[in-house]
N, C-alpha and C. Protein backbone atom coordinates (compact mmCIF):
# COMPACT_ATOMS: atom_id res chain seq x y z
N MET A 1 24.12 -3.13 8.88
CA MET A 1 25.21 -4.08 8.95
C MET A 1 25.13 -5.06 7.79
N GLU A 2 26.26 -5.34 7.18
CA GLU A 2 26.28 -6.21 6.00
C GLU A 2 26.59 -7.66 6.34
N GLY A 3 27.09 -7.96 7.55
CA GLY A 3 27.44 -9.34 7.83
C GLY A 3 27.71 -9.60 9.29
N ILE A 4 27.99 -10.87 9.59
CA ILE A 4 28.22 -11.30 10.96
C ILE A 4 29.18 -12.49 10.93
N LEU A 5 29.81 -12.74 12.06
CA LEU A 5 30.77 -13.83 12.20
C LEU A 5 30.15 -14.93 13.06
N GLY A 6 30.40 -16.18 12.70
CA GLY A 6 29.83 -17.29 13.46
C GLY A 6 30.65 -18.55 13.34
N ARG A 7 30.10 -19.64 13.91
CA ARG A 7 30.77 -20.94 13.86
C ARG A 7 29.76 -22.00 13.40
N LYS A 8 30.24 -22.92 12.59
CA LYS A 8 29.40 -23.97 12.03
C LYS A 8 29.11 -25.03 13.08
N LEU A 9 27.82 -25.35 13.24
CA LEU A 9 27.41 -26.37 14.20
C LEU A 9 27.17 -27.72 13.53
N GLY A 10 26.79 -27.72 12.26
CA GLY A 10 26.52 -28.98 11.57
C GLY A 10 25.35 -28.84 10.63
N MET A 11 24.95 -29.97 10.04
CA MET A 11 23.84 -29.98 9.09
C MET A 11 22.68 -30.80 9.62
N THR A 12 21.49 -30.43 9.18
CA THR A 12 20.28 -31.16 9.52
C THR A 12 19.27 -30.88 8.41
N GLN A 13 18.03 -31.22 8.63
CA GLN A 13 16.99 -30.90 7.67
C GLN A 13 15.74 -30.43 8.41
N ILE A 14 15.05 -29.52 7.80
CA ILE A 14 13.78 -29.05 8.34
C ILE A 14 12.74 -29.16 7.22
N TYR A 15 11.48 -29.17 7.61
CA TYR A 15 10.41 -29.39 6.64
C TYR A 15 9.73 -28.07 6.28
N ALA A 16 9.56 -27.86 4.99
CA ALA A 16 8.89 -26.66 4.50
C ALA A 16 7.38 -26.81 4.68
N GLU A 17 6.65 -25.75 4.35
CA GLU A 17 5.20 -25.76 4.51
C GLU A 17 4.53 -26.80 3.62
N ASP A 18 5.13 -27.09 2.46
CA ASP A 18 4.54 -28.08 1.57
C ASP A 18 4.98 -29.51 1.89
N GLY A 19 5.77 -29.68 2.97
CA GLY A 19 6.17 -31.01 3.41
C GLY A 19 7.50 -31.49 2.87
N THR A 20 8.14 -30.73 2.01
CA THR A 20 9.43 -31.15 1.46
C THR A 20 10.54 -30.94 2.50
N ALA A 21 11.52 -31.86 2.50
CA ALA A 21 12.65 -31.76 3.41
C ALA A 21 13.70 -30.83 2.82
N VAL A 22 14.13 -29.86 3.61
CA VAL A 22 15.10 -28.87 3.15
C VAL A 22 16.41 -29.09 3.91
N PRO A 23 17.52 -29.41 3.21
CA PRO A 23 18.81 -29.56 3.91
C PRO A 23 19.35 -28.19 4.31
N VAL A 24 19.73 -28.05 5.57
CA VAL A 24 20.20 -26.75 6.06
C VAL A 24 21.47 -26.95 6.89
N THR A 25 22.27 -25.89 6.93
CA THR A 25 23.43 -25.82 7.82
C THR A 25 23.09 -24.88 8.97
N VAL A 26 23.35 -25.34 10.19
CA VAL A 26 23.06 -24.54 11.38
C VAL A 26 24.33 -23.81 11.79
N ILE A 27 24.25 -22.50 11.92
CA ILE A 27 25.41 -21.66 12.25
C ILE A 27 25.11 -20.86 13.51
N GLN A 28 26.03 -20.93 14.47
CA GLN A 28 25.94 -20.10 15.68
C GLN A 28 26.54 -18.75 15.32
N ALA A 29 25.70 -17.80 14.97
CA ALA A 29 26.15 -16.51 14.46
C ALA A 29 26.01 -15.45 15.54
N GLY A 30 27.14 -14.97 16.01
CA GLY A 30 27.13 -13.92 17.03
C GLY A 30 26.86 -14.47 18.42
N PRO A 31 26.65 -13.57 19.38
CA PRO A 31 26.70 -12.12 19.19
C PRO A 31 28.12 -11.62 18.94
N CYS A 32 28.22 -10.56 18.14
CA CYS A 32 29.51 -9.95 17.82
C CYS A 32 29.53 -8.51 18.33
N LEU A 33 30.73 -8.02 18.52
CA LEU A 33 30.92 -6.65 18.97
C LEU A 33 31.71 -5.87 17.93
N VAL A 34 31.32 -4.63 17.70
CA VAL A 34 32.08 -3.76 16.82
C VAL A 34 33.35 -3.35 17.54
N VAL A 35 34.50 -3.64 16.91
CA VAL A 35 35.79 -3.33 17.51
C VAL A 35 36.38 -2.04 16.94
N GLN A 36 36.16 -1.83 15.63
CA GLN A 36 36.73 -0.63 15.00
C GLN A 36 35.81 -0.14 13.89
N ARG A 37 35.73 1.17 13.78
CA ARG A 37 34.98 1.80 12.69
C ARG A 37 35.98 2.45 11.75
N LYS A 38 36.01 1.99 10.50
CA LYS A 38 36.95 2.52 9.52
C LYS A 38 36.22 3.52 8.61
N THR A 39 36.88 4.65 8.35
CA THR A 39 36.28 5.73 7.58
C THR A 39 37.15 6.06 6.37
N VAL A 40 36.52 6.75 5.41
CA VAL A 40 37.25 7.14 4.21
C VAL A 40 38.35 8.14 4.55
N GLU A 41 38.08 9.06 5.46
CA GLU A 41 39.06 10.09 5.80
C GLU A 41 40.33 9.48 6.41
N ARG A 42 40.17 8.51 7.28
CA ARG A 42 41.33 7.95 7.99
C ARG A 42 41.92 6.71 7.32
N ASP A 43 41.03 5.82 6.80
CA ASP A 43 41.50 4.54 6.29
C ASP A 43 41.33 4.37 4.78
N GLY A 44 40.61 5.28 4.15
CA GLY A 44 40.43 5.20 2.70
C GLY A 44 39.18 4.45 2.26
N TYR A 45 38.43 3.88 3.20
CA TYR A 45 37.20 3.16 2.85
C TYR A 45 36.32 3.06 4.10
N ASP A 46 35.04 2.80 3.86
CA ASP A 46 34.07 2.66 4.94
C ASP A 46 33.87 1.19 5.26
N ALA A 47 34.06 0.81 6.52
CA ALA A 47 33.86 -0.58 6.94
C ALA A 47 33.81 -0.63 8.46
N ILE A 48 33.39 -1.79 8.96
CA ILE A 48 33.45 -2.03 10.40
C ILE A 48 34.20 -3.33 10.64
N GLN A 49 34.91 -3.37 11.72
CA GLN A 49 35.63 -4.58 12.15
C GLN A 49 34.91 -5.14 13.37
N ILE A 50 34.48 -6.40 13.27
CA ILE A 50 33.73 -7.00 14.37
C ILE A 50 34.46 -8.25 14.86
N GLY A 51 34.21 -8.61 16.10
CA GLY A 51 34.78 -9.80 16.71
C GLY A 51 33.70 -10.66 17.31
N LEU A 52 33.88 -11.96 17.24
CA LEU A 52 32.90 -12.91 17.77
C LEU A 52 33.10 -13.11 19.27
N VAL A 53 32.03 -12.93 20.04
CA VAL A 53 32.09 -13.11 21.49
C VAL A 53 32.06 -14.60 21.79
N GLU A 54 33.07 -15.10 22.54
CA GLU A 54 33.15 -16.51 22.91
C GLU A 54 33.39 -16.64 24.41
N VAL A 55 33.15 -17.85 24.92
CA VAL A 55 33.26 -18.08 26.37
C VAL A 55 34.72 -18.05 26.80
N LYS A 56 35.59 -18.77 26.07
CA LYS A 56 37.00 -18.82 26.45
C LYS A 56 37.70 -17.53 26.05
N PRO A 57 38.45 -16.92 26.98
CA PRO A 57 39.15 -15.68 26.63
C PRO A 57 40.28 -15.95 25.64
N ALA A 58 40.51 -14.98 24.77
CA ALA A 58 41.56 -15.12 23.77
C ALA A 58 42.90 -14.72 24.35
N LYS A 59 43.96 -15.44 23.96
CA LYS A 59 45.33 -15.13 24.38
C LYS A 59 45.97 -14.28 23.28
N LEU A 60 46.26 -13.03 23.59
CA LEU A 60 46.74 -12.09 22.60
C LEU A 60 48.07 -11.49 23.00
N GLY A 61 48.79 -10.98 21.99
CA GLY A 61 50.01 -10.24 22.25
C GLY A 61 49.70 -8.79 22.57
N GLN A 62 50.75 -8.01 22.78
CA GLN A 62 50.56 -6.62 23.17
C GLN A 62 49.89 -5.76 22.11
N PRO A 63 50.22 -5.93 20.80
CA PRO A 63 49.56 -5.07 19.81
C PRO A 63 48.03 -5.24 19.80
N LEU A 64 47.55 -6.49 19.76
CA LEU A 64 46.11 -6.72 19.74
C LEU A 64 45.47 -6.34 21.07
N THR A 65 46.18 -6.55 22.17
CA THR A 65 45.65 -6.15 23.47
C THR A 65 45.38 -4.65 23.52
N GLY A 66 46.32 -3.88 22.98
CA GLY A 66 46.12 -2.44 22.91
C GLY A 66 45.00 -2.05 21.96
N HIS A 67 44.84 -2.83 20.88
CA HIS A 67 43.77 -2.56 19.92
C HIS A 67 42.40 -2.71 20.58
N PHE A 68 42.22 -3.76 21.36
CA PHE A 68 40.94 -3.97 22.04
C PHE A 68 40.75 -2.98 23.20
N ARG A 69 41.85 -2.65 23.88
CA ARG A 69 41.74 -1.69 24.97
C ARG A 69 41.30 -0.32 24.46
N LYS A 70 41.81 0.07 23.29
CA LYS A 70 41.43 1.35 22.71
C LYS A 70 39.95 1.38 22.35
N ALA A 71 39.43 0.22 21.89
CA ALA A 71 38.01 0.14 21.53
C ALA A 71 37.12 0.01 22.75
N GLY A 72 37.71 -0.40 23.89
CA GLY A 72 36.91 -0.57 25.10
C GLY A 72 36.04 -1.80 25.10
N VAL A 73 36.49 -2.86 24.39
CA VAL A 73 35.73 -4.11 24.33
C VAL A 73 36.62 -5.27 24.78
N ALA A 74 35.99 -6.39 25.13
CA ALA A 74 36.74 -7.56 25.55
C ALA A 74 37.45 -8.18 24.35
N PRO A 75 38.63 -8.78 24.55
CA PRO A 75 39.36 -9.40 23.44
C PRO A 75 38.57 -10.57 22.83
N THR A 76 38.69 -10.74 21.53
CA THR A 76 38.05 -11.83 20.81
C THR A 76 39.09 -12.60 19.99
N ARG A 77 38.77 -13.86 19.70
CA ARG A 77 39.70 -14.70 18.98
C ARG A 77 39.77 -14.37 17.49
N ARG A 78 38.66 -14.00 16.90
CA ARG A 78 38.60 -13.80 15.46
C ARG A 78 38.00 -12.44 15.13
N LEU A 79 38.67 -11.75 14.20
CA LEU A 79 38.19 -10.45 13.73
C LEU A 79 37.92 -10.54 12.23
N VAL A 80 36.92 -9.81 11.78
CA VAL A 80 36.60 -9.79 10.35
C VAL A 80 36.00 -8.43 10.02
N GLU A 81 36.20 -8.00 8.78
CA GLU A 81 35.68 -6.72 8.33
C GLU A 81 34.51 -6.92 7.38
N PHE A 82 33.55 -6.01 7.46
CA PHE A 82 32.40 -5.99 6.55
C PHE A 82 32.19 -4.57 6.07
N ASP A 83 31.66 -4.47 4.85
CA ASP A 83 31.29 -3.16 4.33
C ASP A 83 30.16 -2.58 5.15
N LEU A 84 30.10 -1.27 5.15
CA LEU A 84 29.02 -0.57 5.85
C LEU A 84 28.16 0.13 4.82
N SER A 85 26.85 -0.11 4.89
CA SER A 85 25.94 0.50 3.93
C SER A 85 25.92 2.01 4.11
N SER A 86 25.66 2.70 3.01
CA SER A 86 25.61 4.16 3.06
C SER A 86 24.48 4.61 3.98
N GLY A 87 24.79 5.59 4.79
CA GLY A 87 23.79 6.11 5.71
C GLY A 87 23.77 5.43 7.06
N GLU A 88 24.46 4.30 7.19
CA GLU A 88 24.51 3.60 8.46
C GLU A 88 25.77 3.97 9.23
N ASP A 89 25.70 3.85 10.54
CA ASP A 89 26.84 4.18 11.37
C ASP A 89 26.94 3.14 12.48
N ALA A 90 28.15 2.89 12.93
CA ALA A 90 28.39 1.95 14.02
C ALA A 90 29.58 2.45 14.82
N ASN A 91 29.54 2.18 16.11
CA ASN A 91 30.59 2.63 17.01
C ASN A 91 31.16 1.43 17.76
N PRO A 92 32.42 1.49 18.17
CA PRO A 92 33.00 0.40 18.95
C PRO A 92 32.17 0.08 20.19
N GLY A 93 31.91 -1.21 20.39
CA GLY A 93 31.10 -1.65 21.51
C GLY A 93 29.67 -1.99 21.12
N ASP A 94 29.22 -1.57 19.93
CA ASP A 94 27.87 -1.91 19.48
C ASP A 94 27.78 -3.42 19.23
N GLU A 95 26.62 -3.98 19.52
CA GLU A 95 26.41 -5.42 19.37
C GLU A 95 25.77 -5.72 18.02
N VAL A 96 26.23 -6.81 17.40
CA VAL A 96 25.69 -7.27 16.12
C VAL A 96 25.13 -8.67 16.34
N THR A 97 23.86 -8.89 16.02
CA THR A 97 23.21 -10.18 16.21
C THR A 97 22.61 -10.67 14.89
N VAL A 98 22.04 -11.88 14.93
CA VAL A 98 21.46 -12.47 13.72
C VAL A 98 20.23 -11.73 13.24
N THR A 99 19.71 -10.81 14.03
CA THR A 99 18.52 -10.07 13.61
C THR A 99 18.80 -9.12 12.45
N ILE A 100 20.06 -8.97 12.06
CA ILE A 100 20.36 -8.14 10.88
C ILE A 100 19.88 -8.83 9.61
N PHE A 101 19.62 -10.15 9.68
CA PHE A 101 19.11 -10.89 8.53
C PHE A 101 17.63 -11.21 8.74
N THR A 102 16.97 -11.53 7.63
CA THR A 102 15.57 -11.94 7.68
C THR A 102 15.42 -13.25 6.91
N GLU A 103 14.37 -13.97 7.21
CA GLU A 103 14.11 -15.22 6.50
C GLU A 103 13.82 -14.95 5.02
N LYS A 104 14.21 -15.90 4.18
CA LYS A 104 14.10 -15.84 2.72
C LYS A 104 15.12 -14.89 2.10
N GLU A 105 16.03 -14.33 2.93
CA GLU A 105 17.07 -13.46 2.39
C GLU A 105 18.20 -14.32 1.82
N TRP A 106 18.97 -13.75 0.89
CA TRP A 106 20.08 -14.46 0.27
C TRP A 106 21.40 -13.96 0.85
N VAL A 107 22.29 -14.90 1.16
CA VAL A 107 23.56 -14.55 1.79
C VAL A 107 24.71 -15.30 1.10
N ASP A 108 25.92 -14.78 1.29
CA ASP A 108 27.16 -15.46 0.90
C ASP A 108 27.86 -15.90 2.19
N VAL A 109 28.40 -17.12 2.18
CA VAL A 109 29.08 -17.66 3.35
C VAL A 109 30.54 -17.92 2.98
N VAL A 110 31.45 -17.36 3.79
CA VAL A 110 32.89 -17.49 3.55
C VAL A 110 33.50 -18.31 4.67
N GLY A 111 34.27 -19.33 4.30
CA GLY A 111 34.92 -20.18 5.29
C GLY A 111 36.19 -20.80 4.72
N THR A 112 36.84 -21.62 5.52
CA THR A 112 38.05 -22.33 5.11
C THR A 112 37.72 -23.80 4.96
N SER A 113 38.01 -24.35 3.79
CA SER A 113 37.66 -25.75 3.51
C SER A 113 38.50 -26.70 4.37
N LYS A 114 38.01 -27.91 4.51
CA LYS A 114 38.71 -28.92 5.30
C LYS A 114 40.06 -29.26 4.65
N GLY A 115 41.10 -29.31 5.46
CA GLY A 115 42.41 -29.70 4.95
C GLY A 115 42.49 -31.22 4.80
N LYS A 116 42.88 -31.71 3.62
CA LYS A 116 42.94 -33.14 3.36
C LYS A 116 44.36 -33.65 3.16
N GLY A 117 45.35 -32.77 3.36
CA GLY A 117 46.73 -33.21 3.24
C GLY A 117 47.14 -33.44 1.79
N TYR A 118 48.23 -34.19 1.62
CA TYR A 118 48.75 -34.47 0.27
C TYR A 118 47.86 -35.50 -0.40
N GLN A 119 47.37 -35.17 -1.61
CA GLN A 119 46.52 -36.09 -2.37
C GLN A 119 47.02 -36.19 -3.80
N GLY A 120 46.70 -37.32 -4.43
CA GLY A 120 47.09 -37.54 -5.81
C GLY A 120 46.16 -36.85 -6.79
N VAL A 121 46.47 -37.05 -8.09
CA VAL A 121 45.73 -36.32 -9.12
C VAL A 121 44.29 -36.83 -9.27
N MET A 122 44.02 -38.08 -8.92
CA MET A 122 42.66 -38.59 -9.07
C MET A 122 41.71 -37.94 -8.07
N LYS A 123 42.16 -37.80 -6.84
CA LYS A 123 41.30 -37.18 -5.83
C LYS A 123 41.35 -35.66 -5.93
N ARG A 124 42.52 -35.12 -6.20
CA ARG A 124 42.68 -33.67 -6.19
C ARG A 124 42.10 -32.99 -7.43
N HIS A 125 42.25 -33.63 -8.59
CA HIS A 125 41.83 -33.00 -9.84
C HIS A 125 40.80 -33.83 -10.62
N GLY A 126 40.46 -35.01 -10.14
CA GLY A 126 39.45 -35.80 -10.82
C GLY A 126 39.94 -36.55 -12.03
N PHE A 127 41.24 -36.87 -12.09
CA PHE A 127 41.77 -37.65 -13.21
C PHE A 127 41.11 -39.04 -13.22
N ALA A 128 41.00 -39.62 -14.42
CA ALA A 128 40.37 -40.93 -14.55
C ALA A 128 41.29 -42.06 -14.13
N GLY A 129 42.61 -41.86 -14.26
CA GLY A 129 43.54 -42.93 -13.95
C GLY A 129 43.63 -43.92 -15.10
N GLY A 130 44.46 -44.94 -14.91
CA GLY A 130 44.64 -45.94 -15.95
C GLY A 130 43.74 -47.14 -15.75
N ARG A 131 43.97 -48.16 -16.53
CA ARG A 131 43.19 -49.38 -16.45
C ARG A 131 43.42 -50.06 -15.10
N ALA A 132 42.38 -50.65 -14.55
CA ALA A 132 42.49 -51.34 -13.27
C ALA A 132 42.80 -52.82 -13.44
N SER A 133 43.08 -53.24 -14.67
CA SER A 133 43.32 -54.65 -14.93
C SER A 133 44.70 -55.08 -14.46
N HIS A 134 44.90 -56.39 -14.37
CA HIS A 134 46.17 -56.95 -13.92
C HIS A 134 47.28 -56.63 -14.91
N GLY A 135 48.42 -56.19 -14.37
CA GLY A 135 49.56 -55.89 -15.22
C GLY A 135 49.54 -54.52 -15.85
N SER A 136 48.58 -53.68 -15.49
CA SER A 136 48.47 -52.37 -16.11
C SER A 136 49.66 -51.47 -15.76
N MET A 137 50.03 -51.44 -14.47
CA MET A 137 51.11 -50.60 -13.96
C MET A 137 50.83 -49.10 -14.17
N PHE A 138 49.56 -48.76 -14.38
CA PHE A 138 49.18 -47.37 -14.58
C PHE A 138 47.80 -47.15 -13.96
N HIS A 139 47.71 -47.40 -12.64
CA HIS A 139 46.41 -47.34 -11.98
C HIS A 139 46.01 -45.91 -11.60
N ARG A 140 46.86 -45.22 -10.84
CA ARG A 140 46.50 -43.88 -10.34
C ARG A 140 47.57 -42.84 -10.68
N ALA A 141 48.40 -43.13 -11.66
CA ALA A 141 49.48 -42.21 -12.05
C ALA A 141 48.95 -41.08 -12.92
N PRO A 142 49.62 -39.92 -12.95
CA PRO A 142 49.14 -38.79 -13.74
C PRO A 142 49.39 -38.93 -15.24
N GLY A 143 50.35 -39.71 -15.66
CA GLY A 143 50.66 -39.81 -17.08
C GLY A 143 51.72 -38.81 -17.48
N SER A 144 51.85 -38.57 -18.77
CA SER A 144 52.88 -37.66 -19.28
C SER A 144 52.56 -36.22 -18.88
N ILE A 145 53.60 -35.47 -18.54
CA ILE A 145 53.42 -34.07 -18.16
C ILE A 145 54.10 -33.13 -19.16
N GLY A 146 54.62 -33.66 -20.27
CA GLY A 146 55.24 -32.80 -21.27
C GLY A 146 56.13 -33.58 -22.21
N SER A 147 56.42 -32.99 -23.37
CA SER A 147 57.29 -33.63 -24.35
C SER A 147 58.75 -33.40 -24.01
N SER A 148 59.61 -34.30 -24.47
CA SER A 148 61.04 -34.17 -24.16
C SER A 148 61.76 -33.29 -25.18
N ALA A 149 61.41 -33.40 -26.48
CA ALA A 149 62.12 -32.62 -27.49
C ALA A 149 61.64 -31.17 -27.51
N TYR A 150 60.33 -30.97 -27.56
CA TYR A 150 59.79 -29.61 -27.55
C TYR A 150 58.49 -29.63 -26.77
N PRO A 151 58.28 -28.78 -25.78
CA PRO A 151 59.12 -27.62 -25.43
C PRO A 151 60.22 -27.94 -24.43
N SER A 152 60.42 -29.19 -24.11
CA SER A 152 61.52 -29.60 -23.20
C SER A 152 61.39 -28.98 -21.81
N ARG A 153 60.17 -28.76 -21.39
CA ARG A 153 59.94 -28.24 -20.04
C ARG A 153 58.50 -28.54 -19.66
N VAL A 154 58.20 -28.34 -18.41
CA VAL A 154 56.84 -28.53 -17.92
C VAL A 154 56.19 -27.17 -17.78
N PHE A 155 55.03 -27.01 -18.38
CA PHE A 155 54.33 -25.72 -18.33
C PHE A 155 53.89 -25.40 -16.91
N LYS A 156 53.88 -24.13 -16.59
CA LYS A 156 53.38 -23.68 -15.30
C LYS A 156 51.90 -23.99 -15.18
N GLY A 157 51.47 -24.37 -13.98
CA GLY A 157 50.08 -24.68 -13.75
C GLY A 157 49.70 -26.11 -14.09
N MET A 158 50.69 -26.95 -14.41
CA MET A 158 50.39 -28.34 -14.69
C MET A 158 49.76 -29.00 -13.47
N ARG A 159 48.63 -29.65 -13.67
CA ARG A 159 47.93 -30.29 -12.55
C ARG A 159 48.71 -31.51 -12.08
N ALA A 160 48.95 -31.57 -10.78
CA ALA A 160 49.73 -32.66 -10.21
C ALA A 160 49.27 -32.92 -8.79
N GLY A 161 49.84 -33.91 -8.15
CA GLY A 161 49.52 -34.17 -6.76
C GLY A 161 50.04 -33.05 -5.87
N GLY A 162 49.42 -32.88 -4.72
CA GLY A 162 49.85 -31.83 -3.81
C GLY A 162 48.89 -31.67 -2.65
N ARG A 163 49.12 -30.64 -1.88
CA ARG A 163 48.28 -30.40 -0.71
C ARG A 163 46.89 -29.95 -1.15
N MET A 164 45.88 -30.55 -0.54
CA MET A 164 44.50 -30.30 -0.94
C MET A 164 43.71 -29.74 0.23
N GLY A 165 42.84 -28.78 -0.05
CA GLY A 165 41.99 -28.20 0.99
C GLY A 165 42.70 -27.09 1.75
N GLY A 166 42.04 -26.65 2.82
CA GLY A 166 42.60 -25.58 3.64
C GLY A 166 42.62 -24.25 2.93
N GLU A 167 41.66 -24.02 2.03
CA GLU A 167 41.62 -22.79 1.25
C GLU A 167 40.37 -21.98 1.58
N ARG A 168 40.45 -20.70 1.33
CA ARG A 168 39.30 -19.82 1.55
C ARG A 168 38.26 -20.07 0.46
N ILE A 169 37.05 -20.42 0.87
CA ILE A 169 35.98 -20.74 -0.06
C ILE A 169 34.79 -19.83 0.22
N THR A 170 34.19 -19.31 -0.84
CA THR A 170 32.98 -18.50 -0.72
C THR A 170 31.84 -19.21 -1.45
N VAL A 171 30.79 -19.56 -0.72
CA VAL A 171 29.60 -20.15 -1.32
C VAL A 171 28.55 -19.04 -1.44
N LYS A 172 28.13 -18.78 -2.67
CA LYS A 172 27.27 -17.63 -2.91
C LYS A 172 25.80 -18.02 -3.02
N ASN A 173 24.96 -17.07 -2.69
CA ASN A 173 23.51 -17.15 -2.88
C ASN A 173 22.89 -18.36 -2.17
N LEU A 174 23.08 -18.42 -0.86
CA LEU A 174 22.38 -19.39 -0.03
C LEU A 174 21.20 -18.69 0.64
N GLN A 175 20.10 -19.37 0.72
CA GLN A 175 18.89 -18.75 1.27
C GLN A 175 18.79 -18.97 2.78
N VAL A 176 18.43 -17.92 3.49
CA VAL A 176 18.20 -18.03 4.93
C VAL A 176 16.82 -18.66 5.12
N VAL A 177 16.82 -19.87 5.70
CA VAL A 177 15.56 -20.60 5.87
C VAL A 177 14.90 -20.23 7.19
N LYS A 178 15.71 -20.07 8.25
CA LYS A 178 15.14 -19.82 9.57
C LYS A 178 16.14 -19.06 10.42
N ILE A 179 15.62 -18.25 11.35
CA ILE A 179 16.46 -17.50 12.28
C ILE A 179 15.92 -17.69 13.69
N ASP A 180 16.83 -17.96 14.63
CA ASP A 180 16.44 -18.13 16.04
C ASP A 180 17.22 -17.09 16.86
N PRO A 181 16.66 -15.89 17.05
CA PRO A 181 17.40 -14.83 17.77
C PRO A 181 17.75 -15.18 19.21
N GLU A 182 16.90 -15.98 19.88
CA GLU A 182 17.15 -16.30 21.28
C GLU A 182 18.42 -17.14 21.44
N LYS A 183 18.67 -18.04 20.50
CA LYS A 183 19.85 -18.91 20.58
C LYS A 183 20.96 -18.47 19.63
N ASN A 184 20.78 -17.34 18.96
CA ASN A 184 21.76 -16.82 18.00
C ASN A 184 22.06 -17.82 16.90
N LEU A 185 21.03 -18.45 16.36
CA LEU A 185 21.19 -19.45 15.32
C LEU A 185 20.62 -18.95 14.01
N ILE A 186 21.29 -19.31 12.93
CA ILE A 186 20.80 -19.01 11.60
C ILE A 186 20.89 -20.29 10.76
N TYR A 187 19.82 -20.60 10.07
CA TYR A 187 19.75 -21.81 9.25
C TYR A 187 19.81 -21.39 7.79
N VAL A 188 20.83 -21.84 7.07
CA VAL A 188 20.96 -21.51 5.65
C VAL A 188 20.81 -22.78 4.83
N ARG A 189 20.18 -22.66 3.69
CA ARG A 189 19.93 -23.82 2.84
C ARG A 189 21.22 -24.27 2.15
N GLY A 190 21.51 -25.58 2.25
CA GLY A 190 22.67 -26.14 1.58
C GLY A 190 23.87 -26.26 2.50
N ALA A 191 25.00 -26.61 1.90
CA ALA A 191 26.24 -26.86 2.63
C ALA A 191 27.15 -25.64 2.58
N VAL A 192 27.98 -25.51 3.59
CA VAL A 192 28.96 -24.43 3.66
C VAL A 192 30.34 -25.04 3.90
N PRO A 193 31.41 -24.35 3.56
CA PRO A 193 32.75 -24.92 3.70
C PRO A 193 33.19 -25.02 5.16
N GLY A 194 34.13 -25.93 5.40
CA GLY A 194 34.75 -26.01 6.71
C GLY A 194 34.23 -27.13 7.59
N PRO A 195 34.97 -27.45 8.64
CA PRO A 195 34.55 -28.50 9.58
C PRO A 195 33.58 -27.97 10.61
N THR A 196 33.07 -28.87 11.44
CA THR A 196 32.23 -28.46 12.57
C THR A 196 33.04 -27.58 13.52
N SER A 197 32.45 -26.53 14.00
CA SER A 197 33.07 -25.51 14.87
C SER A 197 34.02 -24.59 14.10
N GLY A 198 34.07 -24.71 12.77
CA GLY A 198 34.88 -23.81 11.98
C GLY A 198 34.26 -22.42 11.89
N TYR A 199 35.12 -21.40 11.77
CA TYR A 199 34.63 -20.03 11.70
C TYR A 199 34.07 -19.73 10.31
N LEU A 200 32.98 -18.96 10.28
CA LEU A 200 32.33 -18.58 9.04
C LEU A 200 31.97 -17.10 9.09
N ALA A 201 32.08 -16.46 7.94
CA ALA A 201 31.62 -15.08 7.80
C ALA A 201 30.38 -15.10 6.91
N ILE A 202 29.30 -14.53 7.39
CA ILE A 202 28.03 -14.51 6.67
C ILE A 202 27.73 -13.06 6.28
N ARG A 203 27.57 -12.84 4.99
CA ARG A 203 27.30 -11.48 4.52
C ARG A 203 26.13 -11.51 3.53
N ARG A 204 25.52 -10.36 3.33
CA ARG A 204 24.44 -10.26 2.35
C ARG A 204 24.99 -10.55 0.96
N ALA A 205 24.20 -11.26 0.17
CA ALA A 205 24.65 -11.65 -1.17
C ALA A 205 24.89 -10.39 -2.01
N LYS A 206 26.05 -10.34 -2.66
CA LYS A 206 26.38 -9.20 -3.50
C LYS A 206 25.74 -9.30 -4.87
N ARG A 207 25.52 -10.54 -5.34
CA ARG A 207 24.86 -10.76 -6.61
C ARG A 207 23.87 -11.90 -6.43
N GLY A 208 22.75 -11.82 -7.11
CA GLY A 208 21.82 -12.92 -6.99
C GLY A 208 20.37 -12.47 -7.09
């Protein structure tokens, strides 16, 4: 198995053997169930689709209800696909737990960043802004966005104010510091995207 689905619990720190404090993110990873096995013959690629087992039942429409009924597993709120290593096989109903990872292993964590709503150019893009002195009238404005004579238009991709956050973010090469199979917890070094209780996909690092 190349990955697992979980939810972010928060950040804390643990102490290494040499006494240094290591900042870690605690993730409730799994248990997950294999919902679908995708093959090259039928789907064009090898992968597995897994769902995170949660206490509250998911409210689904008829298409997804039939999808879970065909697999013979209980409905889940979130589904995600992971690559399947060559030589490995998985069938619908198989359980995926944090034991697929080991300590000191490197992983990539995929999540959705916190939505911050509409923000200006200073917060969204790091603009310096104008002088803060009295009478400046140019404190947090973006400034000129183009010439009037030529090219007489605003170029595409011009940085401006707008909606910030709420995007898919992948943080690569985080080290697995600790694993607690009994509580389905995985501790990864550093920060990961998203709010507390946000969904995260944890997969083996592709590069690193």
